[in-house]
N, C-alpha and C. Protein backbone atom coordinates (compact mmCIF):
# COMPACT_ATOMS: atom_id res chain seq x y z
N UNK A 1 144.93 -132.89 90.60
CA UNK A 1 143.55 -132.84 91.06
C UNK A 1 142.84 -131.57 90.60
N UNK A 2 143.57 -130.45 90.57
CA UNK A 2 142.96 -129.18 90.16
C UNK A 2 142.45 -129.20 88.72
N UNK A 3 143.21 -129.74 87.76
CA UNK A 3 142.67 -129.76 86.38
C UNK A 3 141.39 -130.58 86.25
N UNK A 4 141.31 -131.69 86.98
CA UNK A 4 140.11 -132.52 86.91
C UNK A 4 138.91 -131.78 87.52
N UNK A 5 139.12 -131.14 88.65
CA UNK A 5 138.03 -130.39 89.29
C UNK A 5 137.61 -129.20 88.43
N UNK A 6 138.56 -128.53 87.81
CA UNK A 6 138.23 -127.40 86.95
C UNK A 6 137.48 -127.87 85.71
N UNK A 7 137.84 -129.03 85.19
CA UNK A 7 137.13 -129.56 84.03
C UNK A 7 135.69 -129.90 84.37
N UNK A 8 135.48 -130.54 85.52
CA UNK A 8 134.12 -130.84 85.98
C UNK A 8 133.32 -129.56 86.19
N UNK A 9 133.95 -128.58 86.81
CA UNK A 9 133.27 -127.30 87.06
C UNK A 9 132.91 -126.63 85.74
N UNK A 10 133.76 -126.76 84.74
CA UNK A 10 133.45 -126.19 83.43
C UNK A 10 132.20 -126.82 82.82
N UNK A 11 132.10 -128.13 82.93
CA UNK A 11 130.91 -128.80 82.40
C UNK A 11 129.65 -128.43 83.17
N UNK A 12 129.78 -128.26 84.48
CA UNK A 12 128.63 -127.85 85.28
C UNK A 12 128.19 -126.44 84.90
N UNK A 13 129.16 -125.56 84.68
CA UNK A 13 128.84 -124.19 84.28
C UNK A 13 128.18 -124.18 82.90
N UNK A 14 128.66 -125.00 81.99
CA UNK A 14 128.03 -125.08 80.67
C UNK A 14 126.59 -125.59 80.76
N UNK A 15 126.34 -126.54 81.65
CA UNK A 15 124.97 -127.02 81.85
C UNK A 15 124.07 -125.94 82.43
N UNK A 16 124.59 -125.20 83.40
CA UNK A 16 123.82 -124.10 83.98
C UNK A 16 123.57 -123.01 82.95
N UNK A 17 124.52 -122.80 82.05
CA UNK A 17 124.35 -121.80 80.99
C UNK A 17 123.21 -122.22 80.05
N UNK A 18 123.14 -123.49 79.74
CA UNK A 18 122.05 -123.97 78.91
C UNK A 18 120.69 -123.76 79.56
N UNK A 19 120.61 -124.04 80.85
CA UNK A 19 119.35 -123.81 81.56
C UNK A 19 119.00 -122.32 81.62
N UNK A 20 120.01 -121.48 81.74
CA UNK A 20 119.75 -120.05 81.76
C UNK A 20 119.28 -119.53 80.41
N UNK A 21 119.77 -120.12 79.33
CA UNK A 21 119.26 -119.74 78.02
C UNK A 21 117.77 -120.04 77.91
N UNK A 22 117.35 -121.16 78.47
CA UNK A 22 115.93 -121.49 78.47
C UNK A 22 115.15 -120.46 79.26
N UNK A 23 115.66 -120.05 80.43
CA UNK A 23 114.99 -119.03 81.24
C UNK A 23 114.97 -117.69 80.52
N UNK A 24 116.04 -117.40 79.79
CA UNK A 24 116.12 -116.15 79.06
C UNK A 24 115.08 -116.09 77.95
N UNK A 25 114.82 -117.20 77.30
CA UNK A 25 113.84 -117.23 76.21
C UNK A 25 112.42 -117.34 76.74
N UNK A 26 112.20 -118.18 77.75
CA UNK A 26 110.85 -118.46 78.22
C UNK A 26 110.43 -117.64 79.43
N UNK A 27 111.34 -116.81 79.96
CA UNK A 27 111.03 -116.07 81.18
C UNK A 27 109.68 -115.39 81.12
N UNK A 28 108.87 -115.54 82.16
CA UNK A 28 107.52 -114.97 82.10
C UNK A 28 107.51 -113.44 82.09
N UNK A 29 108.55 -112.82 82.60
CA UNK A 29 108.56 -111.36 82.64
C UNK A 29 109.90 -110.79 82.25
N UNK A 30 109.91 -109.48 82.10
CA UNK A 30 111.14 -108.80 81.73
C UNK A 30 112.17 -108.88 82.84
N UNK A 31 111.73 -108.81 84.08
CA UNK A 31 112.66 -108.88 85.21
C UNK A 31 113.34 -110.26 85.27
N UNK A 32 112.60 -111.31 84.97
CA UNK A 32 113.18 -112.65 84.95
C UNK A 32 114.25 -112.76 83.87
N UNK A 33 114.00 -112.15 82.74
CA UNK A 33 114.99 -112.18 81.66
C UNK A 33 116.22 -111.36 82.03
N UNK A 34 116.03 -110.24 82.72
CA UNK A 34 117.16 -109.41 83.13
C UNK A 34 118.04 -110.15 84.13
N UNK A 35 117.42 -110.84 85.07
CA UNK A 35 118.18 -111.61 86.05
C UNK A 35 118.91 -112.77 85.37
N UNK A 36 118.26 -113.41 84.42
CA UNK A 36 118.90 -114.50 83.69
C UNK A 36 120.10 -113.99 82.88
N UNK A 37 119.97 -112.80 82.31
CA UNK A 37 121.08 -112.22 81.57
C UNK A 37 122.26 -111.90 82.48
N UNK A 38 121.98 -111.37 83.66
CA UNK A 38 123.05 -111.08 84.62
C UNK A 38 123.73 -112.37 85.08
N UNK A 39 122.95 -113.38 85.38
CA UNK A 39 123.52 -114.64 85.82
C UNK A 39 124.32 -115.30 84.70
N UNK A 40 123.86 -115.11 83.47
CA UNK A 40 124.60 -115.65 82.33
C UNK A 40 125.97 -115.00 82.21
N UNK A 41 126.04 -113.71 82.44
CA UNK A 41 127.34 -113.05 82.38
C UNK A 41 128.25 -113.53 83.51
N UNK A 42 127.70 -113.79 84.67
CA UNK A 42 128.50 -114.31 85.78
C UNK A 42 129.05 -115.70 85.45
N UNK A 43 128.23 -116.53 84.83
CA UNK A 43 128.69 -117.87 84.47
C UNK A 43 129.75 -117.83 83.37
N UNK A 44 129.63 -116.92 82.43
CA UNK A 44 130.64 -116.80 81.38
C UNK A 44 131.96 -116.31 81.98
N UNK A 45 131.89 -115.40 82.94
CA UNK A 45 133.10 -114.94 83.63
C UNK A 45 133.75 -116.10 84.38
N UNK A 46 132.95 -116.89 85.08
CA UNK A 46 133.50 -118.04 85.81
C UNK A 46 134.09 -119.06 84.85
N UNK A 47 133.45 -119.27 83.72
CA UNK A 47 133.96 -120.22 82.73
C UNK A 47 135.30 -119.74 82.17
N UNK A 48 135.41 -118.46 81.89
CA UNK A 48 136.68 -117.92 81.37
C UNK A 48 137.79 -118.04 82.42
N UNK A 49 137.45 -117.82 83.68
CA UNK A 49 138.45 -117.97 84.74
C UNK A 49 138.89 -119.43 84.87
N UNK A 50 137.96 -120.35 84.76
CA UNK A 50 138.33 -121.76 84.81
C UNK A 50 139.18 -122.17 83.61
N UNK A 51 138.88 -121.62 82.44
CA UNK A 51 139.70 -121.89 81.27
C UNK A 51 141.13 -121.39 81.48
N UNK A 52 141.28 -120.28 82.21
CA UNK A 52 142.61 -119.79 82.53
C UNK A 52 143.35 -120.79 83.40
N UNK A 53 142.66 -121.37 84.37
CA UNK A 53 143.29 -122.38 85.23
C UNK A 53 143.68 -123.63 84.44
N UNK A 54 142.82 -124.05 83.54
CA UNK A 54 143.07 -125.30 82.82
C UNK A 54 144.17 -125.13 81.79
N UNK A 55 144.10 -124.05 80.99
CA UNK A 55 145.04 -123.90 79.88
C UNK A 55 146.29 -123.11 80.25
N UNK A 56 146.18 -122.24 81.23
CA UNK A 56 147.32 -121.40 81.60
C UNK A 56 147.48 -120.17 80.72
N UNK A 57 146.52 -119.93 79.82
CA UNK A 57 146.57 -118.75 78.95
C UNK A 57 145.94 -117.56 79.67
N UNK A 58 146.67 -116.46 79.70
CA UNK A 58 146.17 -115.27 80.37
C UNK A 58 145.09 -114.54 79.57
N UNK A 59 144.95 -114.88 78.31
CA UNK A 59 143.95 -114.22 77.46
C UNK A 59 142.54 -114.46 77.99
N UNK A 60 142.29 -115.64 78.52
CA UNK A 60 140.96 -115.93 79.08
C UNK A 60 140.68 -115.05 80.29
N UNK A 61 141.68 -114.79 81.08
CA UNK A 61 141.51 -113.92 82.24
C UNK A 61 141.24 -112.49 81.81
N UNK A 62 141.87 -112.04 80.74
CA UNK A 62 141.59 -110.72 80.21
C UNK A 62 140.14 -110.61 79.74
N UNK A 63 139.66 -111.66 79.11
CA UNK A 63 138.25 -111.69 78.68
C UNK A 63 137.33 -111.63 79.90
N UNK A 64 137.66 -112.38 80.93
CA UNK A 64 136.82 -112.39 82.14
C UNK A 64 136.78 -111.02 82.80
N UNK A 65 137.92 -110.36 82.87
CA UNK A 65 137.97 -109.05 83.51
C UNK A 65 137.19 -108.02 82.69
N UNK A 66 137.38 -108.01 81.39
CA UNK A 66 136.67 -107.03 80.57
C UNK A 66 135.16 -107.30 80.57
N UNK A 67 134.76 -108.55 80.58
CA UNK A 67 133.34 -108.87 80.65
C UNK A 67 132.75 -108.47 81.99
N UNK A 68 133.51 -108.65 83.05
CA UNK A 68 133.02 -108.25 84.38
C UNK A 68 132.82 -106.74 84.45
N UNK A 69 133.71 -106.00 83.82
CA UNK A 69 133.58 -104.54 83.83
C UNK A 69 132.40 -104.06 82.99
N UNK A 70 132.13 -104.72 81.89
CA UNK A 70 131.04 -104.27 81.02
C UNK A 70 129.69 -104.89 81.37
N UNK A 71 129.67 -105.98 82.11
CA UNK A 71 128.39 -106.60 82.44
C UNK A 71 127.58 -105.74 83.40
N UNK A 72 128.25 -104.81 84.07
CA UNK A 72 127.52 -103.88 84.92
C UNK A 72 126.50 -103.09 84.10
N UNK A 73 126.90 -102.66 82.91
CA UNK A 73 125.99 -101.91 82.05
C UNK A 73 124.84 -102.79 81.57
N UNK A 74 125.10 -104.06 81.39
CA UNK A 74 124.04 -104.98 80.98
C UNK A 74 123.05 -105.21 82.10
N UNK A 75 123.41 -104.85 83.31
CA UNK A 75 122.48 -104.95 84.42
C UNK A 75 121.70 -103.65 84.60
N UNK A 76 122.39 -102.55 84.44
CA UNK A 76 121.76 -101.25 84.68
C UNK A 76 120.72 -100.93 83.61
N UNK A 77 121.01 -101.22 82.36
CA UNK A 77 120.11 -100.86 81.27
C UNK A 77 118.72 -101.51 81.40
N UNK A 78 118.62 -102.85 81.59
CA UNK A 78 117.28 -103.42 81.76
C UNK A 78 116.60 -102.95 83.04
N UNK A 79 117.38 -102.68 84.08
CA UNK A 79 116.78 -102.21 85.33
C UNK A 79 116.14 -100.84 85.14
N UNK A 80 116.82 -99.97 84.42
CA UNK A 80 116.24 -98.64 84.14
C UNK A 80 115.02 -98.76 83.26
N UNK A 81 115.06 -99.66 82.30
CA UNK A 81 113.91 -99.87 81.42
C UNK A 81 112.70 -100.35 82.22
N UNK A 82 112.92 -101.30 83.10
CA UNK A 82 111.81 -101.83 83.92
C UNK A 82 111.28 -100.74 84.84
N UNK A 83 112.18 -99.96 85.43
CA UNK A 83 111.75 -98.90 86.34
C UNK A 83 110.94 -97.84 85.61
N UNK A 84 111.34 -97.48 84.41
CA UNK A 84 110.58 -96.49 83.63
C UNK A 84 109.23 -97.02 83.18
N UNK A 85 109.22 -98.29 82.80
CA UNK A 85 107.98 -98.88 82.32
C UNK A 85 106.94 -99.01 83.42
N UNK A 86 107.38 -99.34 84.61
CA UNK A 86 106.44 -99.51 85.73
C UNK A 86 106.20 -98.22 86.48
N UNK A 87 106.91 -97.16 86.12
CA UNK A 87 106.72 -95.89 86.81
C UNK A 87 107.36 -95.86 88.18
N UNK A 88 108.32 -96.70 88.44
CA UNK A 88 109.01 -96.73 89.73
C UNK A 88 108.24 -97.45 90.82
N UNK A 89 107.10 -98.07 90.47
CA UNK A 89 106.30 -98.80 91.46
C UNK A 89 106.91 -100.16 91.72
N UNK A 90 106.76 -100.64 92.91
CA UNK A 90 107.29 -101.97 93.26
C UNK A 90 106.20 -103.00 93.18
């Protein structure tokens, strides 16, 4: 049952990734694009973890862990850019 559920979840994550790419390209503002980029990294991490469950290869889990550690910087950089551009105003 677990492989079937993981396979379905993989397809759902791939569909959500496609929708996020649309938001990333068409996002009306920089903040929307930054949030879409962060969510995209979360979905890629989840997809890699599911691939670990399905295939049993630990390499996918290594990719997920390293991406989780580096995606923090992908969140901080656009946030600092937006804060500098707006002058810290909300």
